Amino acid sequence: MRTFTCLTIDDRYPIPQLSFLLVSDETRARVLARRTLFEDKHRHAVEVREHGKLVFEEYRSEG
């Protein structure tokens, strides 16, 4: 298992929400991060890192 750090930008909070993803690979980390982003309309962006290195980021489009 690999550990990824996930930071989620949510307009209800002044700082990003921190969570950890314990998954088998980067693909699964992306799936879970995207699910986190799109499951709530208040969330605007998600960033995933492994060992401090940026692996993936996605922003919700305004339209």
Protein backbone atom coordinates (compact mmCIF):
# COMPACT_ATOMS: atom_id res chain seq x y z
CA MET A 1 0.00 0.00 0.00
CA ARG A 2 1.07 3.54 -0.72
CA THR A 3 0.17 6.68 1.23
CA PHE A 4 -0.88 9.84 -0.60
CA THR A 5 -1.62 13.21 1.00
CA CYS A 6 -4.81 14.85 -0.21
CA LEU A 7 -5.55 18.57 0.24
CA THR A 8 -9.07 19.71 -0.58
CA ILE A 9 -10.07 23.36 -1.01
CA ASP A 10 -13.56 23.94 0.37
CA ASP A 11 -15.19 27.38 0.49
CA ARG A 12 -16.61 26.70 3.97
CA TYR A 13 -13.17 26.53 5.60
CA PRO A 14 -10.26 29.00 5.70
CA ILE A 15 -7.59 26.30 5.24
CA PRO A 16 -7.43 23.19 3.04
CA GLN A 17 -8.78 19.93 4.44
CA LEU A 18 -6.05 17.34 4.91
CA SER A 19 -6.68 13.64 4.39
CA PHE A 20 -4.62 10.58 3.61
CA LEU A 21 -5.31 8.01 0.93
CA LEU A 22 -3.98 4.50 1.57
CA VAL A 23 -4.24 2.83 -1.81
CA SER A 24 -2.44 0.36 -4.05
CA ASP A 25 -1.46 2.81 -6.81
CA GLU A 26 -1.64 6.32 -8.25
CA THR A 27 -4.69 5.52 -10.38
CA ARG A 28 -6.74 4.61 -7.32
CA ALA A 29 -5.54 7.78 -5.55
CA ARG A 30 -6.79 9.85 -8.50
CA VAL A 31 -10.18 8.14 -8.48
CA LEU A 32 -10.69 8.76 -4.77
CA ALA A 33 -9.44 12.36 -4.96
CA ARG A 34 -11.81 13.16 -7.84
CA ARG A 35 -14.67 11.56 -5.93
CA THR A 36 -13.85 13.76 -2.93
CA LEU A 37 -13.83 16.86 -5.14
CA PHE A 38 -17.12 16.23 -6.92
CA GLU A 39 -19.17 14.83 -4.04
CA ASP A 40 -19.76 18.31 -2.58
CA LYS A 41 -20.48 21.59 -4.40
CA HIS A 42 -18.43 23.55 -1.83
CA ARG A 43 -15.21 21.84 -2.86
CA HIS A 44 -13.27 23.65 -5.58
CA ALA A 45 -9.93 21.88 -5.89
CA VAL A 46 -8.01 18.82 -4.82
CA GLU A 47 -4.27 18.20 -4.73
CA VAL A 48 -2.61 14.81 -4.23
CA ARG A 49 1.02 14.33 -3.21
CA GLU A 50 3.26 11.39 -2.49
CA HIS A 51 6.45 11.97 -0.47
CA GLY A 52 5.87 15.72 -0.92
CA LYS A 53 5.86 15.50 -4.72
CA LEU A 54 2.76 16.68 -6.58
CA VAL A 55 1.09 13.75 -8.31
CA PHE A 56 -2.27 15.17 -9.34
CA GLU A 57 -4.41 18.27 -9.01
CA GLU A 58 -7.82 19.09 -10.35
CA TYR A 59 -10.08 22.13 -10.19
CA ARG A 60 -13.83 22.20 -10.49
CA SER A 61 -14.88 24.29 -13.50
CA GLU A 62 -17.13 27.26 -12.83
CA GLY A 63 -19.58 26.39 -15.60
